[in-house]
Amino acid sequence: MLLSVRIITPLFILLVGVQADLKTDNCKLISSSESEQDTLRLLEPLTNQKFIAKEQQPEPYSYIFQVCGDVGGLKNAGLVQKNEKDEKLVLIGNYNQTRAIKGSDWIMLIYEGGEKYDSHCSNEPRKAMIMISCSKSDTDKFSVILEDNKKKVGCYYLFELDTKVLCPANSSETTQQTPSKLSGGSIFLIVVFSCLAVYLTGGFLYQRLVVGAKGVEQFPNYAFWSQIGNLSADGCDFVCRSRGNRAEPPTYRGVATEPLGEESEERDDHLLPM
């Protein structure tokens, strides 16, 4: 009993320590929603990582982002903008004012409470929106999409982070293991054509090698199929061809073949001058 207590106690302490040490708990949700908190915990593998995106226009800037962690040496700064010329830092969003929206294989992480705009967007605080989505690549890719600041209110920075962390666990295995299904009609056609191939091949070999047939006689049951073809042609002729109301079928009257009588040879010797 004492040995069991000594084993279980450290395990319990370890589990409690792991639960208490979740980095995503550093993010302070604006809504205090449990569903949003569960959404944040899906991003736990991305904590303690800094993601950097660069752009050259209108000026060379770097954007540094971390999930529920400080960047740029600023307290509660989740995403900052760094000017590459003078290394000035601008706070884009705080992780102590966070929103998290979950989709099927993506999460929209929103940091609010950034530094206020100077002359546009009604001097409202800056806001960062990070679209974190599933990617099969082994390396995470962080990029800046746009800064929407051409309006009076509701301005924001939009970023994109592609990572395999949000991909469904067995999506690729499920796709590979899904068996292909054939319809009943496909199975029927396969059976019919297989039987036809066996019939033709076997019949041809029998007629050729055993019976000793030559030419079209090598076709299995040639007389039967010939009769079927003739009957089909007669039926088609009876149904499809129109003869009108004539009692007698039209006949073709060709040129008479009897030899014509020999004409008497007329001599015109008397017409010649003497």
Protein backbone atom coordinates (compact mmCIF):
# COMPACT_ATOMS: atom_id res chain seq x y z
CA MET A 1 0.00 0.00 0.00
CA LEU A 2 2.78 2.39 0.91
CA LEU A 3 4.57 1.54 -2.33
CA SER A 4 1.43 2.31 -4.34
CA VAL A 5 1.05 5.71 -2.68
CA ARG A 6 4.68 6.55 -3.42
CA ILE A 7 4.15 5.73 -7.11
CA ILE A 8 0.77 7.44 -7.57
CA THR A 9 1.64 10.67 -5.74
CA PRO A 10 4.40 11.84 -8.13
CA LEU A 11 2.20 10.98 -11.11
CA PHE A 12 -0.65 13.04 -9.68
CA ILE A 13 1.65 15.97 -9.04
CA LEU A 14 3.03 15.69 -12.56
CA LEU A 15 -0.45 15.74 -14.10
CA VAL A 16 -1.49 18.73 -12.02
CA GLY A 17 1.71 20.52 -12.99
CA VAL A 18 1.10 19.85 -16.68
CA GLN A 19 -2.46 21.19 -16.48
CA ALA A 20 -1.30 24.28 -14.61
CA ASP A 21 1.54 24.92 -17.04
CA LEU A 22 -0.58 25.33 -20.19
CA LYS A 23 0.81 28.33 -22.06
CA THR A 24 -2.52 29.04 -23.73
CA ASP A 25 -3.93 29.92 -20.30
CA ASN A 26 -1.85 33.10 -20.54
CA CYS A 27 -4.27 34.41 -23.14
CA LYS A 28 -7.13 36.37 -21.59
CA LEU A 29 -10.34 35.90 -23.50
CA ILE A 30 -12.63 38.89 -23.87
CA SER A 31 -15.74 36.73 -23.66
CA SER A 32 -14.48 34.22 -21.02
CA SER A 33 -16.11 31.46 -23.07
CA GLU A 34 -15.30 27.83 -22.31
CA SER A 35 -15.60 26.91 -25.99
CA GLU A 36 -13.06 29.59 -26.89
CA GLN A 37 -10.78 28.34 -24.11
CA ASP A 38 -10.99 24.83 -25.56
CA THR A 39 -10.19 26.30 -28.96
CA LEU A 40 -7.09 27.99 -27.57
CA ARG A 41 -5.85 24.72 -26.08
CA LEU A 42 -5.72 23.25 -29.57
CA LEU A 43 -2.91 25.76 -30.22
CA GLU A 44 -0.80 24.55 -27.29
CA PRO A 45 1.80 22.87 -29.60
CA LEU A 46 2.43 26.28 -31.19
CA THR A 47 3.30 28.06 -27.95
CA ASN A 48 6.93 28.98 -27.21
CA GLN A 49 7.45 29.51 -30.94
CA LYS A 50 8.02 32.87 -32.61
CA PHE A 51 6.73 33.33 -36.15
CA ILE A 52 8.11 36.10 -38.35
CA ALA A 53 6.72 37.53 -41.58
CA LYS A 54 8.37 40.22 -43.69
CA GLU A 55 7.11 42.76 -46.21
CA GLN A 56 8.90 45.43 -48.21
CA GLN A 57 6.10 47.81 -49.14
CA PRO A 58 5.43 50.56 -48.24
CA GLU A 59 8.44 50.16 -45.93
CA PRO A 60 10.52 47.16 -44.87
CA TYR A 61 8.63 45.74 -41.89
CA SER A 62 8.86 42.55 -39.90
CA TYR A 63 5.87 41.13 -38.01
CA ILE A 64 6.61 38.94 -35.01
CA PHE A 65 3.88 36.70 -33.60
CA GLN A 66 3.58 34.27 -30.72
CA VAL A 67 0.65 32.27 -29.38
CA CYS A 68 -0.13 33.55 -25.86
CA GLY A 69 3.41 34.76 -25.28
CA ASP A 70 5.42 38.00 -25.17
CA VAL A 71 7.29 39.21 -28.27
CA GLY A 72 9.60 42.15 -28.76
CA GLY A 73 10.23 42.46 -25.03
CA LEU A 74 6.78 44.06 -24.56
CA LYS A 75 4.46 42.90 -21.79
CA ASN A 76 1.34 41.07 -23.07
CA ALA A 77 2.39 41.76 -26.67
CA GLY A 78 1.21 38.89 -28.89
CA LEU A 79 2.06 40.50 -32.23
CA VAL A 80 4.29 43.50 -33.03
CA GLN A 81 5.45 45.35 -36.11
CA LYS A 82 9.17 46.11 -36.39
CA ASN A 83 10.59 48.75 -38.73
CA GLU A 84 13.75 47.31 -40.25
CA LYS A 85 15.29 50.78 -40.69
CA ASP A 86 15.09 52.18 -37.17
CA GLU A 87 13.93 48.96 -35.40
CA LYS A 88 10.95 50.80 -33.95
CA LEU A 89 8.31 48.48 -32.52
CA VAL A 90 4.57 49.04 -32.91
CA LEU A 91 2.19 46.93 -30.85
CA ILE A 92 -0.43 45.37 -33.12
CA GLY A 93 -2.29 43.20 -30.63
CA ASN A 94 -2.28 42.04 -27.00
CA TYR A 95 -2.89 38.45 -26.01
CA ASN A 96 -4.67 39.62 -22.86
CA GLN A 97 -7.52 40.75 -25.17
CA THR A 98 -8.06 37.61 -27.22
CA ARG A 99 -10.85 36.05 -29.25
CA ALA A 100 -10.73 32.55 -30.75
CA ILE A 101 -13.10 31.23 -33.43
CA LYS A 102 -12.90 27.58 -34.49
CA GLY A 103 -13.76 25.98 -37.83
CA SER A 104 -13.39 22.47 -39.24
CA ASP A 105 -9.63 22.72 -39.79
CA TRP A 106 -8.88 26.36 -38.95
CA ILE A 107 -8.86 28.80 -36.04
CA MET A 108 -9.20 32.56 -36.26
CA LEU A 109 -7.12 34.07 -33.45
CA ILE A 110 -7.78 37.75 -32.78
CA TYR A 111 -5.52 40.00 -30.70
CA GLU A 112 -7.05 43.38 -29.81
CA GLY A 113 -5.87 46.37 -27.79
CA GLY A 114 -2.88 47.35 -29.91
CA GLU A 115 -1.30 50.77 -30.25
CA LYS A 116 -3.74 53.45 -31.47
CA TYR A 117 -3.60 54.76 -35.02
CA ASP A 118 -2.17 58.26 -35.37
CA SER A 119 -4.31 59.91 -38.03
CA HIS A 120 -6.76 57.39 -39.48
CA CYS A 121 -9.25 54.71 -38.42
CA SER A 122 -10.64 57.25 -35.91
CA ASN A 123 -7.54 56.72 -33.73
CA GLU A 124 -8.86 53.34 -32.63
CA PRO A 125 -6.48 50.67 -31.24
CA ARG A 126 -4.85 48.35 -33.74
CA LYS A 127 -6.10 44.76 -34.06
CA ALA A 128 -4.47 41.60 -35.42
CA MET A 129 -6.41 38.73 -37.00
CA ILE A 130 -4.42 35.53 -37.52
CA MET A 131 -6.00 32.80 -39.65
CA ILE A 132 -4.39 29.54 -38.51
CA SER A 133 -5.23 26.71 -40.90
CA CYS A 134 -4.30 23.11 -41.68
CA SER A 135 -1.31 22.44 -43.91
CA LYS A 136 0.31 19.10 -44.78
CA SER A 137 3.75 20.70 -44.95
CA ASP A 138 6.26 19.78 -42.24
CA THR A 139 7.26 23.44 -41.80
CA ASP A 140 4.95 26.17 -40.53
CA LYS A 141 4.50 29.23 -42.74
CA PHE A 142 3.55 32.65 -41.35
CA SER A 143 2.70 35.47 -43.78
CA VAL A 144 1.12 38.92 -43.76
CA ILE A 145 -1.92 39.30 -46.01
CA LEU A 146 -3.00 42.93 -45.67
CA GLU A 147 -3.57 45.94 -43.44
CA ASP A 148 -7.13 47.17 -43.87
CA ASN A 149 -6.88 50.80 -42.70
CA LYS A 150 -8.80 52.63 -45.44
CA LYS A 151 -11.94 53.13 -43.37
CA LYS A 152 -13.09 55.02 -40.31
CA VAL A 153 -13.62 52.12 -37.90
CA GLY A 154 -12.96 48.39 -37.82
CA CYS A 155 -9.40 48.51 -39.16
CA TYR A 156 -7.28 45.39 -38.76
CA TYR A 157 -4.13 43.52 -39.80
CA LEU A 158 -4.69 40.11 -41.39
CA PHE A 159 -2.12 37.31 -41.16
CA GLU A 160 -2.05 33.65 -42.14
CA LEU A 161 -0.32 30.75 -40.41
CA ASP A 162 -0.24 27.36 -42.14
CA THR A 163 0.54 24.47 -39.80
CA LYS A 164 -0.10 20.73 -39.54
CA VAL A 165 -1.13 21.12 -35.88
CA LEU A 166 -4.76 21.72 -36.88
CA CYS A 167 -4.98 18.90 -39.42
CA PRO A 168 -7.32 16.01 -38.48
CA ALA A 169 -5.35 13.18 -36.91
CA ASN A 170 -6.19 10.34 -39.33
CA SER A 171 -7.43 12.27 -42.36
CA SER A 172 -4.80 10.84 -44.73
CA GLU A 173 -5.14 7.28 -43.38
CA THR A 174 -8.91 7.42 -43.67
CA THR A 175 -8.63 8.56 -47.27
CA GLN A 176 -6.25 5.71 -48.12
CA GLN A 177 -8.35 3.04 -46.40
CA THR A 178 -11.68 4.06 -47.95
CA PRO A 179 -12.60 1.23 -50.33
CA SER A 180 -13.84 2.06 -53.81
CA LYS A 181 -17.46 1.03 -54.38
CA LEU A 182 -18.83 -0.26 -57.70
CA SER A 183 -22.47 0.15 -58.60
CA GLY A 184 -24.68 -2.80 -59.45
CA GLY A 185 -24.74 -1.82 -63.13
CA SER A 186 -20.94 -1.75 -63.28
CA ILE A 187 -20.69 -5.21 -61.73
CA PHE A 188 -23.29 -6.56 -64.18
CA LEU A 189 -21.42 -5.17 -67.21
CA ILE A 190 -18.13 -6.59 -65.95
CA VAL A 191 -19.69 -10.06 -65.58
CA VAL A 192 -21.34 -9.90 -69.03
CA PHE A 193 -18.19 -8.82 -70.85
CA SER A 194 -16.09 -11.38 -68.98
CA CYS A 195 -18.45 -14.21 -69.96
CA LEU A 196 -18.52 -12.94 -73.55
CA ALA A 197 -14.73 -12.89 -73.73
CA VAL A 198 -14.52 -16.46 -72.37
CA TYR A 199 -17.22 -17.65 -74.80
CA LEU A 200 -15.54 -16.14 -77.86
CA THR A 201 -12.03 -17.20 -76.93
CA GLY A 202 -12.98 -20.75 -75.92
CA GLY A 203 -15.29 -21.24 -78.90
CA PHE A 204 -12.71 -19.98 -81.36
CA LEU A 205 -10.04 -22.30 -80.00
CA TYR A 206 -12.43 -25.28 -80.06
CA GLN A 207 -13.53 -24.65 -83.66
CA ARG A 208 -9.97 -24.07 -84.79
CA LEU A 209 -8.13 -26.84 -83.00
CA VAL A 210 -10.75 -29.57 -82.52
CA VAL A 211 -13.21 -29.14 -85.39
CA GLY A 212 -10.61 -27.81 -87.81
CA ALA A 213 -12.80 -24.97 -89.07
CA LYS A 214 -11.40 -22.22 -91.26
CA GLY A 215 -12.38 -18.63 -91.95
CA VAL A 216 -15.68 -17.41 -90.50
CA GLU A 217 -16.57 -20.99 -89.58
CA GLN A 218 -14.20 -20.60 -86.62
CA PHE A 219 -16.74 -18.30 -84.98
CA PRO A 220 -18.57 -20.33 -82.30
CA ASN A 221 -22.16 -21.29 -83.25
CA TYR A 222 -21.78 -19.48 -86.54
CA ALA A 223 -24.98 -20.92 -88.06
CA PHE A 224 -27.07 -19.90 -85.05
CA TRP A 225 -25.76 -16.33 -85.00
CA SER A 226 -26.18 -16.05 -88.77
CA GLN A 227 -29.81 -17.07 -88.44
CA ILE A 228 -30.29 -14.56 -85.62
CA GLY A 229 -28.82 -11.86 -87.83
CA ASN A 230 -31.07 -12.74 -90.76
CA LEU A 231 -34.19 -12.78 -88.60
CA SER A 232 -33.25 -9.43 -87.09
CA ALA A 233 -32.78 -7.94 -90.55
CA ASP A 234 -36.18 -9.27 -91.68
CA GLY A 235 -37.87 -7.85 -88.61
CA CYS A 236 -36.22 -4.48 -89.12
CA ASP A 237 -37.26 -4.50 -92.78
CA PHE A 238 -40.88 -5.32 -91.83
CA VAL A 239 -41.16 -2.67 -89.10
CA CYS A 240 -39.10 0.22 -90.40
CA ARG A 241 -39.68 0.30 -94.17
CA SER A 242 -42.86 1.92 -95.49
CA ARG A 243 -44.50 0.48 -98.64
CA GLY A 244 -47.52 2.82 -98.76
CA ASN A 245 -50.91 1.58 -99.97
CA ARG A 246 -49.65 -0.08 -103.11
CA ALA A 247 -50.99 -3.60 -103.58
CA GLU A 248 -48.00 -4.77 -105.49
CA PRO A 249 -44.43 -4.19 -104.50
CA PRO A 250 -42.51 -1.92 -106.82
CA THR A 251 -40.51 -3.72 -109.43
CA TYR A 252 -37.56 -2.64 -111.40
CA ARG A 253 -37.89 -2.71 -115.11
CA GLY A 254 -34.52 -2.89 -116.67
CA VAL A 255 -33.49 -2.54 -120.27
CA ALA A 256 -34.51 -5.48 -122.45
CA THR A 257 -31.75 -7.90 -123.09
CA GLU A 258 -33.18 -9.53 -126.26
CA PRO A 259 -30.96 -8.97 -129.26
CA LEU A 260 -32.40 -6.48 -131.66
CA GLY A 261 -33.31 -7.60 -135.13
CA GLU A 262 -30.69 -7.08 -137.79
CA GLU A 263 -31.49 -4.18 -140.00
CA SER A 264 -31.15 -4.68 -143.71
CA GLU A 265 -28.01 -3.29 -144.97
CA GLU A 266 -28.69 -0.42 -147.28
CA ARG A 267 -26.18 0.29 -149.90
CA ASP A 268 -25.66 3.82 -150.94
CA ASP A 269 -23.44 3.07 -153.84
CA HIS A 270 -25.88 4.84 -156.22
CA LEU A 271 -25.26 8.08 -154.43
CA LEU A 272 -21.64 8.10 -155.38
CA PRO A 273 -20.73 9.97 -158.53
CA MET A 274 -19.97 7.82 -161.46
